[in-house]
Amino acid sequence: MAESNQQPNRKARRSAEGGNVNGEAHNGQPMTDPRCPTCAVEMEPTTVTTDGAGTLYVKTKRDGGILKRLGLGDYATLDSFCCPECGLVRQYADLDD
């Protein structure tokens, strides 16, 4: 197997069932699972939480406006993956254009 150190294409980070790694509906785009840069094995979807305080997200430069009314405000959710070999956790922001 070839080792891949690249972040998955952000438009191709969806599960085959049409949801994100947490099973939520998300544009129905297929997902390619990332590989661990250390172990070169497929990373597994996981959930990162802050003791039940809600969904983790990152603030983006989107200013809201019509995008916010369409549910595309200035926050992006995070998809999390964990390496089953070394425990490395990576998170990718859902930055659909």
N, C-alpha and C. Protein backbone atom coordinates (compact mmCIF):
# COMPACT_ATOMS: atom_id res chain seq x y z
N MET A 1 0.83 -1.19 0.00
CA MET A 1 0.00 0.00 0.00
C MET A 1 0.87 1.25 0.00
N ALA A 2 0.51 2.22 -0.77
CA ALA A 2 1.27 3.46 -0.82
C ALA A 2 0.88 4.36 0.34
N GLU A 3 1.87 5.00 0.93
CA GLU A 3 1.62 5.91 2.04
C GLU A 3 1.13 7.24 1.50
N SER A 4 0.16 7.84 2.16
CA SER A 4 -0.37 9.13 1.75
C SER A 4 -0.32 10.09 2.92
N ASN A 5 0.36 11.21 2.72
CA ASN A 5 0.47 12.22 3.78
C ASN A 5 -0.43 13.40 3.52
N GLN A 6 -1.35 13.29 2.57
CA GLN A 6 -2.18 14.43 2.20
C GLN A 6 -3.52 14.39 2.90
N GLN A 7 -4.04 15.60 3.17
CA GLN A 7 -5.39 15.72 3.72
C GLN A 7 -6.36 15.30 2.62
N PRO A 8 -7.43 14.61 2.98
CA PRO A 8 -8.39 14.22 1.95
C PRO A 8 -9.01 15.45 1.29
N ASN A 9 -9.36 15.29 0.03
CA ASN A 9 -10.03 16.36 -0.68
C ASN A 9 -11.27 16.75 0.10
N ARG A 10 -11.41 18.06 0.41
CA ARG A 10 -12.51 18.46 1.28
C ARG A 10 -13.88 18.19 0.68
N LYS A 11 -14.00 18.13 -0.62
CA LYS A 11 -15.29 17.81 -1.22
C LYS A 11 -15.50 16.31 -1.29
N ALA A 12 -14.49 15.51 -0.96
CA ALA A 12 -14.63 14.06 -1.02
C ALA A 12 -14.51 13.45 0.36
N ARG A 13 -14.86 14.19 1.40
CA ARG A 13 -14.73 13.70 2.76
C ARG A 13 -16.08 13.26 3.33
N ARG A 14 -16.86 12.57 2.58
CA ARG A 14 -18.18 12.15 3.03
C ARG A 14 -18.28 10.64 2.99
N SER A 15 -19.12 10.10 3.80
CA SER A 15 -19.30 8.65 3.81
C SER A 15 -20.13 8.21 2.62
N ALA A 16 -20.02 6.95 2.28
CA ALA A 16 -20.77 6.41 1.15
C ALA A 16 -22.27 6.48 1.38
N GLU A 17 -22.71 6.55 2.63
CA GLU A 17 -24.14 6.61 2.93
C GLU A 17 -24.70 8.02 2.77
N GLY A 18 -23.87 8.98 2.36
CA GLY A 18 -24.36 10.34 2.19
C GLY A 18 -24.34 11.14 3.46
N GLY A 19 -23.64 10.68 4.47
CA GLY A 19 -23.53 11.42 5.72
C GLY A 19 -22.09 11.69 6.06
N ASN A 20 -21.86 12.52 7.06
CA ASN A 20 -20.49 12.72 7.50
C ASN A 20 -20.11 11.58 8.41
N VAL A 21 -18.92 11.62 8.98
CA VAL A 21 -18.45 10.50 9.77
C VAL A 21 -19.28 10.28 11.02
N ASN A 22 -20.06 11.23 11.43
CA ASN A 22 -20.92 11.07 12.59
C ASN A 22 -22.31 10.61 12.19
N GLY A 23 -22.52 10.31 10.90
CA GLY A 23 -23.79 9.79 10.43
C GLY A 23 -24.82 10.86 10.11
N GLU A 24 -24.45 12.13 10.15
CA GLU A 24 -25.38 13.20 9.85
C GLU A 24 -25.42 13.44 8.34
N ALA A 25 -26.59 13.80 7.83
CA ALA A 25 -26.73 14.07 6.40
C ALA A 25 -25.81 15.21 6.00
N HIS A 26 -25.14 15.04 4.86
CA HIS A 26 -24.18 16.06 4.44
C HIS A 26 -23.94 16.02 2.95
N ASN A 27 -24.80 16.57 2.15
CA ASN A 27 -24.64 16.74 0.71
C ASN A 27 -24.53 15.45 -0.09
N GLY A 28 -24.55 14.28 0.53
CA GLY A 28 -24.51 13.03 -0.20
C GLY A 28 -23.25 12.77 -1.00
N GLN A 29 -22.15 13.44 -0.67
CA GLN A 29 -20.91 13.23 -1.40
C GLN A 29 -20.12 12.08 -0.78
N PRO A 30 -19.45 11.25 -1.63
CA PRO A 30 -18.68 10.13 -1.09
C PRO A 30 -17.47 10.61 -0.31
N MET A 31 -17.04 9.78 0.63
CA MET A 31 -15.91 10.14 1.46
C MET A 31 -14.74 9.20 1.23
N THR A 32 -13.54 9.74 1.23
CA THR A 32 -12.34 8.91 1.22
C THR A 32 -11.70 9.08 2.58
N ASP A 33 -11.51 7.98 3.28
CA ASP A 33 -10.95 8.04 4.63
C ASP A 33 -9.47 8.37 4.58
N PRO A 34 -9.01 9.24 5.47
CA PRO A 34 -7.60 9.60 5.50
C PRO A 34 -6.74 8.47 6.06
N ARG A 35 -5.47 8.50 5.74
CA ARG A 35 -4.51 7.52 6.24
C ARG A 35 -3.60 8.21 7.24
N CYS A 36 -3.15 7.46 8.24
CA CYS A 36 -2.25 7.98 9.26
C CYS A 36 -0.89 8.26 8.61
N PRO A 37 -0.34 9.46 8.78
CA PRO A 37 0.96 9.77 8.18
C PRO A 37 2.11 9.01 8.85
N THR A 38 1.90 8.50 10.05
CA THR A 38 2.94 7.76 10.77
C THR A 38 2.89 6.27 10.46
N CYS A 39 1.70 5.69 10.52
CA CYS A 39 1.53 4.23 10.38
C CYS A 39 1.10 3.79 8.99
N ALA A 40 0.61 4.70 8.17
CA ALA A 40 0.12 4.41 6.82
C ALA A 40 -1.08 3.46 6.82
N VAL A 41 -1.87 3.47 7.89
CA VAL A 41 -3.09 2.67 7.94
C VAL A 41 -4.29 3.61 7.86
N GLU A 42 -5.44 3.07 7.46
CA GLU A 42 -6.64 3.88 7.36
C GLU A 42 -7.08 4.32 8.75
N MET A 43 -7.33 5.62 8.89
CA MET A 43 -7.80 6.16 10.17
C MET A 43 -9.30 5.90 10.28
N GLU A 44 -9.78 5.70 11.50
CA GLU A 44 -11.18 5.39 11.74
C GLU A 44 -11.94 6.63 12.19
N PRO A 45 -13.18 6.80 11.69
CA PRO A 45 -13.99 7.93 12.15
C PRO A 45 -14.18 7.84 13.66
N THR A 46 -14.14 8.98 14.32
CA THR A 46 -14.33 9.03 15.76
C THR A 46 -15.09 10.29 16.12
N THR A 47 -15.51 10.40 17.35
CA THR A 47 -16.17 11.60 17.84
C THR A 47 -15.31 12.23 18.90
N VAL A 48 -15.02 13.51 18.74
CA VAL A 48 -14.29 14.27 19.75
C VAL A 48 -15.31 15.17 20.43
N THR A 49 -15.35 15.14 21.74
CA THR A 49 -16.34 15.92 22.47
C THR A 49 -15.69 16.72 23.59
N THR A 50 -16.40 17.71 24.06
CA THR A 50 -15.94 18.53 25.18
C THR A 50 -16.86 18.30 26.36
N ASP A 51 -16.95 17.04 26.78
CA ASP A 51 -17.76 16.65 27.94
C ASP A 51 -19.23 17.04 27.76
N GLY A 52 -19.75 16.78 26.57
CA GLY A 52 -21.17 17.00 26.32
C GLY A 52 -21.55 18.45 26.08
N ALA A 53 -20.57 19.32 25.85
CA ALA A 53 -20.86 20.74 25.67
C ALA A 53 -21.35 21.07 24.27
N GLY A 54 -21.44 20.09 23.40
CA GLY A 54 -21.95 20.35 22.06
C GLY A 54 -20.98 19.95 20.98
N THR A 55 -21.32 20.31 19.75
CA THR A 55 -20.51 19.97 18.59
C THR A 55 -19.31 20.89 18.49
N LEU A 56 -18.15 20.31 18.16
CA LEU A 56 -16.97 21.12 17.92
C LEU A 56 -17.08 21.77 16.55
N TYR A 57 -16.58 22.97 16.41
CA TYR A 57 -16.62 23.68 15.14
C TYR A 57 -15.46 24.67 15.08
N VAL A 58 -15.22 25.21 13.88
CA VAL A 58 -14.24 26.27 13.70
C VAL A 58 -14.95 27.46 13.09
N LYS A 59 -14.49 28.65 13.43
CA LYS A 59 -15.03 29.88 12.87
C LYS A 59 -14.36 30.10 11.52
N THR A 60 -15.15 30.42 10.51
CA THR A 60 -14.62 30.67 9.17
C THR A 60 -14.70 32.15 8.86
N LYS A 61 -14.24 32.52 7.68
CA LYS A 61 -14.29 33.93 7.27
C LYS A 61 -15.59 34.27 6.56
N ARG A 62 -16.50 33.30 6.46
CA ARG A 62 -17.80 33.60 5.85
C ARG A 62 -18.54 34.57 6.76
N ASP A 63 -19.14 35.57 6.19
CA ASP A 63 -19.76 36.62 7.00
C ASP A 63 -21.24 36.43 7.26
N GLY A 64 -21.81 35.34 6.82
CA GLY A 64 -23.23 35.14 7.06
C GLY A 64 -24.04 35.61 5.87
N GLY A 65 -24.89 36.61 6.05
CA GLY A 65 -25.74 37.10 4.97
C GLY A 65 -26.65 36.01 4.46
N ILE A 66 -26.77 35.93 3.13
CA ILE A 66 -27.63 34.91 2.53
C ILE A 66 -27.14 33.51 2.85
N LEU A 67 -25.81 33.34 2.96
CA LEU A 67 -25.28 32.02 3.30
C LEU A 67 -25.79 31.56 4.66
N LYS A 68 -25.86 32.49 5.60
CA LYS A 68 -26.34 32.13 6.94
C LYS A 68 -27.81 31.71 6.89
N ARG A 69 -28.61 32.42 6.09
CA ARG A 69 -30.03 32.07 5.96
C ARG A 69 -30.21 30.70 5.31
N LEU A 70 -29.23 30.27 4.53
CA LEU A 70 -29.29 28.96 3.89
C LEU A 70 -28.66 27.87 4.75
N GLY A 71 -28.29 28.23 5.98
CA GLY A 71 -27.68 27.26 6.88
C GLY A 71 -26.19 27.10 6.69
N LEU A 72 -25.56 28.04 6.02
CA LEU A 72 -24.12 27.98 5.75
C LEU A 72 -23.40 29.13 6.43
N GLY A 73 -23.72 29.41 7.68
CA GLY A 73 -23.16 30.55 8.39
C GLY A 73 -21.65 30.57 8.45
N ASP A 74 -21.12 31.23 9.45
CA ASP A 74 -19.68 31.43 9.53
C ASP A 74 -18.98 30.42 10.44
N TYR A 75 -19.56 29.24 10.60
CA TYR A 75 -18.95 28.16 11.38
C TYR A 75 -18.90 26.90 10.53
N ALA A 76 -17.87 26.10 10.73
CA ALA A 76 -17.75 24.83 10.02
C ALA A 76 -17.56 23.71 11.04
N THR A 77 -18.30 22.62 10.87
CA THR A 77 -18.15 21.48 11.78
C THR A 77 -16.86 20.72 11.45
N LEU A 78 -16.45 19.87 12.39
CA LEU A 78 -15.22 19.11 12.23
C LEU A 78 -15.50 17.62 12.10
N ASP A 79 -14.84 16.98 11.14
CA ASP A 79 -14.87 15.54 11.01
C ASP A 79 -13.59 15.03 11.67
N SER A 80 -13.70 14.05 12.56
CA SER A 80 -12.56 13.56 13.33
C SER A 80 -12.23 12.11 12.97
N PHE A 81 -10.92 11.81 12.94
CA PHE A 81 -10.43 10.48 12.63
C PHE A 81 -9.33 10.11 13.61
N CYS A 82 -9.25 8.82 13.97
CA CYS A 82 -8.24 8.33 14.91
C CYS A 82 -7.52 7.14 14.29
N CYS A 83 -6.18 7.10 14.44
CA CYS A 83 -5.40 5.97 13.96
C CYS A 83 -5.54 4.82 14.96
N PRO A 84 -5.94 3.64 14.50
CA PRO A 84 -6.10 2.51 15.41
C PRO A 84 -4.76 1.95 15.90
N GLU A 85 -3.66 2.32 15.25
CA GLU A 85 -2.34 1.82 15.63
C GLU A 85 -1.66 2.71 16.66
N CYS A 86 -1.55 4.01 16.37
CA CYS A 86 -0.76 4.91 17.24
C CYS A 86 -1.62 5.90 18.03
N GLY A 87 -2.91 6.01 17.71
CA GLY A 87 -3.80 6.91 18.45
C GLY A 87 -3.80 8.35 17.96
N LEU A 88 -3.11 8.65 16.87
CA LEU A 88 -3.12 10.00 16.32
C LEU A 88 -4.55 10.39 15.97
N VAL A 89 -4.97 11.60 16.35
CA VAL A 89 -6.30 12.10 16.02
C VAL A 89 -6.13 13.30 15.10
N ARG A 90 -6.87 13.30 14.01
CA ARG A 90 -6.88 14.44 13.08
C ARG A 90 -8.31 14.90 12.90
N GLN A 91 -8.45 16.22 12.72
CA GLN A 91 -9.77 16.80 12.48
C GLN A 91 -9.71 17.62 11.21
N TYR A 92 -10.78 17.54 10.43
CA TYR A 92 -10.88 18.28 9.19
C TYR A 92 -12.16 19.11 9.22
N ALA A 93 -12.03 20.41 8.91
CA ALA A 93 -13.18 21.30 8.88
C ALA A 93 -13.99 21.02 7.62
N ASP A 94 -15.30 21.05 7.75
CA ASP A 94 -16.21 20.85 6.64
C ASP A 94 -16.36 22.17 5.91
N LEU A 95 -15.48 22.44 4.94
CA LEU A 95 -15.43 23.72 4.25
C LEU A 95 -16.01 23.64 2.85
N ASP A 96 -17.24 23.17 2.73
CA ASP A 96 -17.88 23.12 1.41
C ASP A 96 -17.93 24.51 0.83
N ASP A 97 -17.59 24.59 -0.45
CA ASP A 97 -17.60 25.90 -1.13
C ASP A 97 -18.96 26.22 -1.69
